[in-house]
PDB file of N, CA and C in Angstrom:
ATOM      1  N   MET A   1       0.833  -1.181   0.013  1.00  0.00           N
ATOM      2  CA  MET A   1      -0.006   0.009  -0.025  1.00  0.00           C
ATOM      3  C   MET A   1       0.847   1.226   0.026  1.00  0.00           C
ATOM      4  N   LEU A   2       0.446   2.205  -0.751  1.00  0.00           N
ATOM      5  CA  LEU A   2       1.241   3.510  -0.834  1.00  0.00           C
ATOM      6  C   LEU A   2       0.301   4.527  -0.243  1.00  0.00           C
ATOM      7  N   LYS A   3       0.853   5.229   0.764  1.00  0.00           N
ATOM      8  CA  LYS A   3       0.133   6.296   1.377  1.00  0.00           C
ATOM      9  C   LYS A   3       0.670   7.662   0.834  1.00  0.00           C
ATOM     10  N   LEU A   4      -0.405   8.481   0.409  1.00  0.00           N
ATOM     11  CA  LEU A   4      -0.108   9.826  -0.024  1.00  0.00           C
ATOM     12  C   LEU A   4      -0.303  10.740   1.051  1.00  0.00           C
ATOM     13  N   HIS A   5       0.458  11.868   1.008  1.00  0.00           N
ATOM     14  CA  HIS A   5       0.342  12.983   2.057  1.00  0.00           C
ATOM     15  C   HIS A   5      -0.081  14.152   1.333  1.00  0.00           C
ATOM     16  N   ASP A   6      -0.612  15.162   2.106  1.00  0.00           N
ATOM     17  CA  ASP A   6      -0.952  16.427   1.526  1.00  0.00           C
ATOM     18  C   ASP A   6       0.300  17.223   1.133  1.00  0.00           C
ATOM     19  N   LYS A   7       0.432  17.716  -0.071  1.00  0.00           N
ATOM     20  CA  LYS A   7       1.523  18.546  -0.483  1.00  0.00           C
ATOM     21  C   LYS A   7       1.148  20.054  -0.081  1.00  0.00           C
ATOM     22  N   GLU A   8      -0.053  20.348  -0.134  1.00  0.00           N
ATOM     23  CA  GLU A   8      -0.435  21.660   0.205  1.00  0.00           C
ATOM     24  C   GLU A   8      -1.872  21.509   0.884  1.00  0.00           C
ATOM     25  N   THR A   9      -2.270  22.452   1.636  1.00  0.00           N
ATOM     26  CA  THR A   9      -3.616  22.395   2.323  1.00  0.00           C
ATOM     27  C   THR A   9      -4.675  22.650   1.326  1.00  0.00           C
ATOM     28  N   ALA A  10      -5.762  22.144   1.556  1.00  0.00           N
ATOM     29  CA  ALA A  10      -6.985  22.371   0.765  1.00  0.00           C
ATOM     30  C   ALA A  10      -7.565  23.709   0.914  1.00  0.00           C
ATOM     31  N   SER A  11      -8.144  24.212  -0.094  1.00  0.00           N
ATOM     32  CA  SER A  11      -8.791  25.545  -0.054  1.00  0.00           C
ATOM     33  C   SER A  11     -10.013  25.496   0.965  1.00  0.00           C
ATOM     34  N   ALA A  12     -10.280  26.590   1.553  1.00  0.00           N
ATOM     35  CA  ALA A  12     -11.389  26.701   2.545  1.00  0.00           C
ATOM     36  C   ALA A  12     -12.634  26.310   1.774  1.00  0.00           C
ATOM     37  N   GLY A  13     -13.530  25.353   2.208  1.00  0.00           N
ATOM     38  CA  GLY A  13     -14.815  25.085   1.674  1.00  0.00           C
ATOM     39  C   GLY A  13     -14.637  24.163   0.400  1.00  0.00           C
ATOM     40  N   ASN A  14     -13.416  23.732   0.122  1.00  0.00           N
ATOM     41  CA  ASN A  14     -13.177  22.852  -1.082  1.00  0.00           C
ATOM     42  C   ASN A  14     -12.425  21.657  -0.607  1.00  0.00           C
ATOM     43  N   ASN A  15     -12.841  20.533  -1.032  1.00  0.00           N
ATOM     44  CA  ASN A  15     -12.158  19.259  -0.632  1.00  0.00           C
ATOM     45  C   ASN A  15     -11.257  18.693  -1.556  1.00  0.00           C
ATOM     46  N   THR A  16     -10.832  19.514  -2.650  1.00  0.00           N
ATOM     47  CA  THR A  16      -9.787  18.957  -3.549  1.00  0.00           C
ATOM     48  C   THR A  16      -8.440  19.188  -2.996  1.00  0.00           C
ATOM     49  N   ARG A  17      -7.533  18.312  -3.300  1.00  0.00           N
ATOM     50  CA  ARG A  17      -6.230  18.402  -2.615  1.00  0.00           C
ATOM     51  C   ARG A  17      -5.208  18.009  -3.762  1.00  0.00           C
ATOM     52  N   SER A  18      -3.933  18.474  -3.499  1.00  0.00           N
ATOM     53  CA  SER A  18      -2.792  18.067  -4.182  1.00  0.00           C
ATOM     54  C   SER A  18      -2.107  17.063  -3.260  1.00  0.00           C
ATOM     55  N   ARG A  19      -1.721  16.014  -3.734  1.00  0.00           N
ATOM     56  CA  ARG A  19      -1.084  14.934  -2.858  1.00  0.00           C
ATOM     57  C   ARG A  19       0.198  14.473  -3.569  1.00  0.00           C
ATOM     58  N   ALA A  20       1.084  14.012  -2.667  1.00  0.00           N
ATOM     59  CA  ALA A  20       2.427  13.382  -3.121  1.00  0.00           C
ATOM     60  C   ALA A  20       2.736  12.305  -2.209  1.00  0.00           C
ATOM     61  N   ALA A  21       3.450  11.405  -2.801  1.00  0.00           N
ATOM     62  CA  ALA A  21       4.020  10.340  -2.048  1.00  0.00           C
ATOM     63  C   ALA A  21       5.593  10.470  -1.886  1.00  0.00           C
ATOM     64  N   ASP A  22       6.172  10.142  -0.772  1.00  0.00           N
ATOM     65  CA  ASP A  22       7.487  10.156  -0.554  1.00  0.00           C
ATOM     66  C   ASP A  22       8.090   9.295  -1.597  1.00  0.00           C
ATOM     67  N   PRO A  23       9.246   9.640  -2.298  1.00  0.00           N
ATOM     68  CA  PRO A  23       9.862   8.693  -3.190  1.00  0.00           C
ATOM     69  C   PRO A  23      10.128   7.330  -2.600  1.00  0.00           C
ATOM     70  N   VAL A  24       9.872   6.340  -3.402  1.00  0.00           N
ATOM     71  CA  VAL A  24      10.025   4.937  -3.002  1.00  0.00           C
ATOM     72  C   VAL A  24      10.900   4.240  -3.979  1.00  0.00           C
ATOM     73  N   LEU A  25      11.347   3.055  -3.563  1.00  0.00           N
ATOM     74  CA  LEU A  25      12.198   2.078  -4.440  1.00  0.00           C
ATOM     75  C   LEU A  25      11.326   0.873  -4.673  1.00  0.00           C
ATOM     76  N   ILE A  26      11.273   0.403  -5.946  1.00  0.00           N
ATOM     77  CA  ILE A  26      10.616  -0.832  -6.248  1.00  0.00           C
ATOM     78  C   ILE A  26      11.569  -1.766  -6.920  1.00  0.00           C
ATOM     79  N   ASP A  27      11.820  -2.941  -6.375  1.00  0.00           N
ATOM     80  CA  ASP A  27      12.641  -4.016  -6.940  1.00  0.00           C
ATOM     81  C   ASP A  27      11.711  -5.118  -7.549  1.00  0.00           C
ATOM     82  N   PHE A  28      11.928  -5.503  -8.720  1.00  0.00           N
ATOM     83  CA  PHE A  28      11.141  -6.546  -9.403  1.00  0.00           C
ATOM     84  C   PHE A  28      12.108  -7.546 -10.025  1.00  0.00           C
ATOM     85  N   ARG A  29      11.816  -8.805  -9.857  1.00  0.00           N
ATOM     86  CA  ARG A  29      12.562  -9.920 -10.410  1.00  0.00           C
ATOM     87  C   ARG A  29      11.610 -10.716 -11.163  1.00  0.00           C
ATOM     88  N   ASP A  30      11.814 -10.813 -12.561  1.00  0.00           N
ATOM     89  CA  ASP A  30      10.932 -11.620 -13.460  1.00  0.00           C
ATOM     90  C   ASP A  30      11.706 -13.039 -13.529  1.00  0.00           C
ATOM     91  N   GLU A  31      11.208 -14.090 -12.983  1.00  0.00           N
ATOM     92  CA  GLU A  31      11.940 -15.401 -13.175  1.00  0.00           C
ATOM     93  C   GLU A  31      11.304 -16.212 -14.259  1.00  0.00           C
ATOM     94  N   THR A  32      10.448 -15.633 -15.083  1.00  0.00           N
ATOM     95  CA  THR A  32       9.822 -16.410 -16.222  1.00  0.00           C
ATOM     96  C   THR A  32      10.899 -16.760 -17.303  1.00  0.00           C
ATOM     97  N   PRO A  33      11.808 -15.821 -17.721  1.00  0.00           N
ATOM     98  CA  PRO A  33      12.781 -16.268 -18.679  1.00  0.00           C
ATOM     99  C   PRO A  33      13.872 -17.110 -18.129  1.00  0.00           C
ATOM    100  N   ASP A  34      14.518 -17.804 -19.057  1.00  0.00           N
ATOM    101  CA  ASP A  34      15.674 -18.747 -18.546  1.00  0.00           C
ATOM    102  C   ASP A  34      16.685 -17.961 -17.723  1.00  0.00           C
ATOM    103  N   THR A  35      17.016 -16.793 -18.171  1.00  0.00           N
ATOM    104  CA  THR A  35      17.870 -15.900 -17.281  1.00  0.00           C
ATOM    105  C   THR A  35      16.920 -14.842 -16.628  1.00  0.00           C
ATOM    106  N   PRO A  36      16.846 -14.891 -15.279  1.00  0.00           N
ATOM    107  CA  PRO A  36      15.904 -13.937 -14.639  1.00  0.00           C
ATOM    108  C   PRO A  36      16.295 -12.525 -14.900  1.00  0.00           C
ATOM    109  N   VAL A  37      15.302 -11.540 -14.927  1.00  0.00           N
ATOM    110  CA  VAL A  37      15.561 -10.222 -15.199  1.00  0.00           C
ATOM    111  C   VAL A  37      15.174  -9.391 -13.950  1.00  0.00           C
ATOM    112  N   ASN A  38      16.211  -8.602 -13.487  1.00  0.00           N
ATOM    113  CA  ASN A  38      16.064  -7.720 -12.336  1.00  0.00           C
ATOM    114  C   ASN A  38      15.705  -6.237 -12.773  1.00  0.00           C
ATOM    115  N   ILE A  39      14.669  -5.661 -12.286  1.00  0.00           N
ATOM    116  CA  ILE A  39      14.413  -4.323 -12.641  1.00  0.00           C
ATOM    117  C   ILE A  39      14.103  -3.511 -11.306  1.00  0.00           C
ATOM    118  N   THR A  40      14.919  -2.387 -11.280  1.00  0.00           N
ATOM    119  CA  THR A  40      14.788  -1.509 -10.065  1.00  0.00           C
ATOM    120  C   THR A  40      14.263  -0.194 -10.576  1.00  0.00           C
ATOM    121  N   LEU A  41      13.121   0.270  -9.897  1.00  0.00           N
ATOM    122  CA  LEU A  41      12.568   1.612 -10.145  1.00  0.00           C
ATOM    123  C   LEU A  41      12.877   2.481  -8.990  1.00  0.00           C
ATOM    124  N   SER A  42      13.748   3.473  -9.087  1.00  0.00           N
ATOM    125  CA  SER A  42      14.088   4.320  -7.998  1.00  0.00           C
ATOM    126  C   SER A  42      14.773   5.530  -8.404  1.00  0.00           C
ATOM    127  N   PRO A  43      14.395   6.680  -7.721  1.00  0.00           N
ATOM    128  CA  PRO A  43      13.303   6.817  -6.834  1.00  0.00           C
ATOM    129  C   PRO A  43      11.930   7.024  -7.656  1.00  0.00           C
ATOM    130  N   VAL A  44      10.998   6.484  -7.202  1.00  0.00           N
ATOM    131  CA  VAL A  44       9.693   6.521  -7.921  1.00  0.00           C
ATOM    132  C   VAL A  44       8.868   7.753  -7.226  1.00  0.00           C
ATOM    133  N   ALA A  45       8.703   8.809  -8.023  1.00  0.00           N
ATOM    134  CA  ALA A  45       8.071  10.057  -7.479  1.00  0.00           C
ATOM    135  C   ALA A  45       6.621  10.012  -8.047  1.00  0.00           C
ATOM    136  N   ILE A  46       5.627  10.099  -7.188  1.00  0.00           N
ATOM    137  CA  ILE A  46       4.205  10.000  -7.541  1.00  0.00           C
ATOM    138  C   ILE A  46       3.513  11.258  -6.973  1.00  0.00           C
ATOM    139  N   THR A  47       2.730  11.901  -7.832  1.00  0.00           N
ATOM    140  CA  THR A  47       1.901  13.124  -7.453  1.00  0.00           C
ATOM    141  C   THR A  47       0.528  12.948  -8.004  1.00  0.00           C
ATOM    142  N   ALA A  48      -0.413  13.463  -7.265  1.00  0.00           N
ATOM    143  CA  ALA A  48      -1.819  13.480  -7.724  1.00  0.00           C
ATOM    144  C   ALA A  48      -2.447  14.785  -7.384  1.00  0.00           C
ATOM    145  N   ASP A  49      -3.190  15.424  -8.291  1.00  0.00           N
ATOM    146  CA  ASP A  49      -3.721  16.763  -8.100  1.00  0.00           C
ATOM    147  C   ASP A  49      -5.253  16.721  -8.344  1.00  0.00           C
ATOM    148  N   ASP A  50      -5.896  17.610  -7.670  1.00  0.00           N
ATOM    149  CA  ASP A  50      -7.377  17.732  -7.808  1.00  0.00           C
ATOM    150  C   ASP A  50      -8.156  16.495  -7.401  1.00  0.00           C
ATOM    151  N   ILE A  51      -7.696  15.815  -6.336  1.00  0.00           N
ATOM    152  CA  ILE A  51      -8.389  14.652  -5.848  1.00  0.00           C
ATOM    153  C   ILE A  51      -9.641  15.179  -5.044  1.00  0.00           C
ATOM    154  N   ASP A  52     -10.851  14.743  -5.521  1.00  0.00           N
ATOM    155  CA  ASP A  52     -12.139  15.200  -4.836  1.00  0.00           C
ATOM    156  C   ASP A  52     -12.622  13.980  -4.008  1.00  0.00           C
ATOM    157  N   THR A  53     -12.451  14.017  -2.737  1.00  0.00           N
ATOM    158  CA  THR A  53     -12.834  12.860  -1.902  1.00  0.00           C
ATOM    159  C   THR A  53     -14.352  12.734  -1.721  1.00  0.00           C
ATOM    160  N   ALA A  54     -15.042  13.831  -2.114  1.00  0.00           N
ATOM    161  CA  ALA A  54     -16.504  13.749  -1.963  1.00  0.00           C
ATOM    162  C   ALA A  54     -17.208  13.264  -3.123  1.00  0.00           C
ATOM    163  N   GLY A  55     -16.596  13.345  -4.383  1.00  0.00           N
ATOM    164  CA  GLY A  55     -17.327  12.991  -5.537  1.00  0.00           C
ATOM    165  C   GLY A  55     -16.478  12.013  -6.370  1.00  0.00           C
ATOM    166  N   ASN A  56     -16.801  11.869  -7.679  1.00  0.00           N
ATOM    167  CA  ASN A  56     -16.032  10.959  -8.491  1.00  0.00           C
ATOM    168  C   ASN A  56     -15.419  11.658  -9.677  1.00  0.00           C
ATOM    169  N   SER A  57     -14.982  12.987  -9.496  1.00  0.00           N
ATOM    170  CA  SER A  57     -14.356  13.731 -10.509  1.00  0.00           C
ATOM    171  C   SER A  57     -12.983  13.214 -10.791  1.00  0.00           C
ATOM    172  N   LYS A  58     -12.588  13.276 -12.021  1.00  0.00           N
ATOM    173  CA  LYS A  58     -11.268  12.841 -12.419  1.00  0.00           C
ATOM    174  C   LYS A  58     -10.144  13.630 -11.749  1.00  0.00           C
ATOM    175  N   PHE A  59      -9.060  13.090 -11.415  1.00  0.00           N
ATOM    176  CA  PHE A  59      -7.882  13.756 -10.914  1.00  0.00           C
ATOM    177  C   PHE A  59      -6.747  13.569 -11.922  1.00  0.00           C
ATOM    178  N   SER A  60      -5.761  14.369 -11.794  1.00  0.00           N
ATOM    179  CA  SER A  60      -4.605  14.246 -12.572  1.00  0.00           C
ATOM    180  C   SER A  60      -3.436  13.611 -11.776  1.00  0.00           C
ATOM    181  N   PHE A  61      -2.455  12.967 -12.365  1.00  0.00           N
ATOM    182  CA  PHE A  61      -1.491  12.298 -11.671  1.00  0.00           C
ATOM    183  C   PHE A  61      -0.155  12.236 -12.559  1.00  0.00           C
ATOM    184  N   SER A  62       0.967  12.020 -11.915  1.00  0.00           N
ATOM    185  CA  SER A  62       2.160  11.680 -12.594  1.00  0.00           C
ATOM    186  C   SER A  62       3.022  10.830 -11.865  1.00  0.00           C
ATOM    187  N   VAL A  63       3.828   9.996 -12.611  1.00  0.00           N
ATOM    188  CA  VAL A  63       4.787   9.170 -11.960  1.00  0.00           C
ATOM    189  C   VAL A  63       6.083   9.223 -12.817  1.00  0.00           C
ATOM    190  N   ASP A  64       7.168   9.419 -12.061  1.00  0.00           N
ATOM    191  CA  ASP A  64       8.447   9.540 -12.730  1.00  0.00           C
ATOM    192  C   ASP A  64       9.551   8.739 -11.940  1.00  0.00           C
ATOM    193  N   CYS A  65      10.393   7.972 -12.702  1.00  0.00           N
ATOM    194  CA  CYS A  65      11.366   7.157 -11.987  1.00  0.00           C
ATOM    195  C   CYS A  65      12.485   6.852 -12.865  1.00  0.00           C
ATOM    196  N   ALA A  66      13.635   6.461 -12.270  1.00  0.00           N
ATOM    197  CA  ALA A  66      14.739   5.924 -13.015  1.00  0.00           C
ATOM    198  C   ALA A  66      14.574   4.467 -13.067  1.00  0.00           C
ATOM    199  N   VAL A  67      14.958   3.743 -14.151  1.00  0.00           N
ATOM    200  CA  VAL A  67      14.798   2.331 -14.377  1.00  0.00           C
ATOM    201  C   VAL A  67      16.286   1.810 -14.350  1.00  0.00           C
ATOM    202  N   ASN A  68      16.575   0.964 -13.472  1.00  0.00           N
ATOM    203  CA  ASN A  68      17.981   0.357 -13.327  1.00  0.00           C
ATOM    204  C   ASN A  68      19.029   1.521 -13.321  1.00  0.00           C
ATOM    205  N   GLN A  69      18.792   2.596 -12.777  1.00  0.00           N
ATOM    206  CA  GLN A  69      19.759   3.772 -12.562  1.00  0.00           C
ATOM    207  C   GLN A  69      20.205   4.316 -13.853  1.00  0.00           C
ATOM    208  N   LYS A  70      19.724   3.928 -14.990  1.00  0.00           N
ATOM    209  CA  LYS A  70      20.208   4.367 -16.309  1.00  0.00           C
ATOM    210  C   LYS A  70      19.136   5.033 -17.155  1.00  0.00           C
ATOM    211  N   ASP A  71      18.034   4.423 -17.071  1.00  0.00           N
ATOM    212  CA  ASP A  71      16.886   4.718 -18.009  1.00  0.00           C
ATOM    213  C   ASP A  71      15.791   5.565 -17.278  1.00  0.00           C
ATOM    214  N   ARG A  72      14.783   6.012 -17.975  1.00  0.00           N
ATOM    215  CA  ARG A  72      13.770   6.797 -17.355  1.00  0.00           C
ATOM    216  C   ARG A  72      12.283   6.425 -17.851  1.00  0.00           C
ATOM    217  N   LEU A  73      11.535   6.411 -16.915  1.00  0.00           N
ATOM    218  CA  LEU A  73      10.076   6.113 -17.101  1.00  0.00           C
ATOM    219  C   LEU A  73       9.242   7.247 -16.614  1.00  0.00           C
ATOM    220  N   HIS A  74       8.357   7.839 -17.461  1.00  0.00           N
ATOM    221  CA  HIS A  74       7.510   8.854 -17.041  1.00  0.00           C
ATOM    222  C   HIS A  74       6.010   8.581 -17.525  1.00  0.00           C
ATOM    223  N   ALA A  75       5.078   8.735 -16.586  1.00  0.00           N
ATOM    224  CA  ALA A  75       3.733   8.555 -17.035  1.00  0.00           C
ATOM    225  C   ALA A  75       2.881   9.602 -16.380  1.00  0.00           C
ATOM    226  N   HIS A  76       1.868  10.122 -17.080  1.00  0.00           N
ATOM    227  CA  HIS A  76       0.921  11.127 -16.468  1.00  0.00           C
ATOM    228  C   HIS A  76      -0.411  10.964 -17.085  1.00  0.00           C
ATOM    229  N   GLY A  77      -1.470  11.459 -16.521  1.00  0.00           N
ATOM    230  CA  GLY A  77      -2.747  11.429 -17.037  1.00  0.00           C
ATOM    231  C   GLY A  77      -3.871  11.703 -16.055  1.00  0.00           C
ATOM    232  N   THR A  78      -5.077  11.267 -16.284  1.00  0.00           N
ATOM    233  CA  THR A  78      -6.135  11.520 -15.419  1.00  0.00           C
ATOM    234  C   THR A  78      -6.773  10.135 -15.172  1.00  0.00           C
ATOM    235  N   ALA A  79      -7.495  10.070 -14.018  1.00  0.00           N
ATOM    236  CA  ALA A  79      -8.177   8.853 -13.594  1.00  0.00           C
ATOM    237  C   ALA A  79      -9.363   9.295 -12.743  1.00  0.00           C
ATOM    238  N   ALA A  80     -10.387   8.379 -12.652  1.00  0.00           N
ATOM    239  CA  ALA A  80     -11.469   8.569 -11.722  1.00  0.00           C
ATOM    240  C   ALA A  80     -11.207   7.788 -10.407  1.00  0.00           C
ATOM    241  N   PRO A  81     -11.509   8.318  -9.245  1.00  0.00           N
ATOM    242  CA  PRO A  81     -11.197   7.693  -8.002  1.00  0.00           C
ATOM    243  C   PRO A  81     -11.739   6.211  -7.882  1.00  0.00           C
ATOM    244  N   ASP A  82     -12.826   5.932  -8.531  1.00  0.00           N
ATOM    245  CA  ASP A  82     -13.392   4.555  -8.434  1.00  0.00           C
ATOM    246  C   ASP A  82     -12.883   3.617  -9.493  1.00  0.00           C
ATOM    247  N   GLY A  83     -11.764   4.062 -10.312  1.00  0.00           N
ATOM    248  CA  GLY A  83     -11.231   3.236 -11.278  1.00  0.00           C
ATOM    249  C   GLY A  83     -12.019   2.967 -12.538  1.00  0.00           C
ATOM    250  N   SER A  84     -13.125   3.738 -12.686  1.00  0.00           N
ATOM    251  CA  SER A  84     -13.974   3.435 -13.855  1.00  0.00           C
ATOM    252  C   SER A  84     -13.355   3.971 -15.110  1.00  0.00           C
ATOM    253  N   SER A  85     -12.432   4.918 -15.081  1.00  0.00           N
ATOM    254  CA  SER A  85     -11.816   5.508 -16.324  1.00  0.00           C
ATOM    255  C   SER A  85     -10.461   6.014 -16.061  1.00  0.00           C
ATOM    256  N   ALA A  86      -9.637   5.971 -17.003  1.00  0.00           N
ATOM    257  CA  ALA A  86      -8.302   6.465 -16.935  1.00  0.00           C
ATOM    258  C   ALA A  86      -7.792   6.755 -18.233  1.00  0.00           C
ATOM    259  N   LYS A  87      -6.967   7.819 -18.370  1.00  0.00           N
ATOM    260  CA  LYS A  87      -6.243   8.175 -19.601  1.00  0.00           C
ATOM    261  C   LYS A  87      -4.735   8.458 -19.220  1.00  0.00           C
ATOM    262  N   ILE A  88      -3.871   7.601 -19.705  1.00  0.00           N
ATOM    263  CA  ILE A  88      -2.488   7.575 -19.386  1.00  0.00           C
ATOM    264  C   ILE A  88      -1.646   7.723 -20.599  1.00  0.00           C
ATOM    265  N   THR A  89      -0.655   8.678 -20.525  1.00  0.00           N
ATOM    266  CA  THR A  89       0.478   8.829 -21.488  1.00  0.00           C
ATOM    267  C   THR A  89       1.725   8.438 -20.835  1.00  0.00           C
ATOM    268  N   SER A  90       2.553   7.624 -21.449  1.00  0.00           N
ATOM    269  CA  SER A  90       3.790   7.206 -20.837  1.00  0.00           C
ATOM    270  C   SER A  90       4.918   7.272 -21.830  1.00  0.00           C
ATOM    271  N   SER A  91       6.140   7.449 -21.255  1.00  0.00           N
ATOM    272  CA  SER A  91       7.290   7.390 -22.139  1.00  0.00           C
ATOM    273  C   SER A  91       8.387   6.677 -21.414  1.00  0.00           C
ATOM    274  N   LEU A  92       9.172   6.012 -22.194  1.00  0.00           N
ATOM    275  CA  LEU A  92      10.446   5.351 -21.765  1.00  0.00           C
ATOM    276  C   LEU A  92      11.529   5.954 -22.473  1.00  0.00           C
ATOM    277  N   LYS A  93      12.676   6.349 -21.882  1.00  0.00           N
ATOM    278  CA  LYS A  93      13.788   6.900 -22.431  1.00  0.00           C
ATOM    279  C   LYS A  93      14.987   5.919 -22.241  1.00  0.00           C
ATOM    280  N   ASN A  94      15.708   5.535 -23.299  1.00  0.00           N
ATOM    281  CA  ASN A  94      16.839   4.686 -23.226  1.00  0.00           C
ATOM    282  C   ASN A  94      16.650   3.319 -22.629  1.00  0.00           C
ATOM    283  N   CYS A  95      15.483   2.857 -22.482  1.00  0.00           N
ATOM    284  CA  CYS A  95      15.207   1.539 -21.834  1.00  0.00           C
ATOM    285  C   CYS A  95      15.605   0.370 -22.771  1.00  0.00           C
ATOM    286  N   ARG A  96      16.397  -0.465 -22.144  1.00  0.00           N
ATOM    287  CA  ARG A  96      16.818  -1.662 -22.819  1.00  0.00           C
ATOM    288  C   ARG A  96      16.632  -2.839 -21.956  1.00  0.00           C
ATOM    289  N   PHE A  97      15.308  -3.254 -21.896  1.00  0.00           N
ATOM    290  CA  PHE A  97      14.954  -4.385 -21.137  1.00  0.00           C
ATOM    291  C   PHE A  97      15.271  -5.758 -21.869  1.00  0.00           C
ATOM    292  N   PRO A  98      15.921  -6.704 -21.181  1.00  0.00           N
ATOM    293  CA  PRO A  98      16.313  -7.971 -21.789  1.00  0.00           C
ATOM    294  C   PRO A  98      15.129  -8.945 -21.710  1.00  0.00           C
ATOM    295  N   PHE A  99      14.016  -8.586 -22.495  1.00  0.00           N
ATOM    296  CA  PHE A  99      12.902  -9.545 -22.505  1.00  0.00           C
ATOM    297  C   PHE A  99      13.214 -10.787 -23.409  1.00  0.00           C
ATOM    298  N   SER A 100      12.596 -11.855 -22.984  1.00  0.00           N
ATOM    299  CA  SER A 100      12.755 -13.095 -23.785  1.00  0.00           C
ATOM    300  C   SER A 100      11.540 -13.276 -24.623  1.00  0.00           C
ATOM    301  N   ARG A 101      11.584 -14.036 -25.685  1.00  0.00           N
ATOM    302  CA  ARG A 101      10.390 -14.359 -26.460  1.00  0.00           C
ATOM    303  C   ARG A 101       9.727 -15.483 -25.839  1.00  0.00           C
ATOM    304  N   VAL A 102       8.428 -15.380 -25.774  1.00  0.00           N
ATOM    305  CA  VAL A 102       7.593 -16.621 -25.211  1.00  0.00           C
ATOM    306  C   VAL A 102       6.855 -17.158 -26.424  1.00  0.00           C
ATOM    307  N   MET A 103       7.030 -18.416 -26.626  1.00  0.00           N
ATOM    308  CA  MET A 103       6.363 -19.068 -27.729  1.00  0.00           C
ATOM    309  C   MET A 103       5.184 -19.871 -27.123  1.00  0.00           C
TER     310      MET A 103
END
């Protein structure tokens, strides 16, 4: 579970907030290929803006991190709090994942 904290206080009479998570590290090991693949995402910076806790209005978010200390992953978009919709744009820079072919 990832807990977000308030980046700034909410406006008086308004329950929308800007939220941010402290940067985290994610280690992933894929043991499916013959040679396992290790992927480290660090630091993972996550922000979310305009979260409306009283309704189901879409909020904006962004995720940015280094991949294996050399490459870069960035994603941003909008999503509904109940998960009913999301629009995400992502980019990978210089990523060279050693994926194997699965037949």
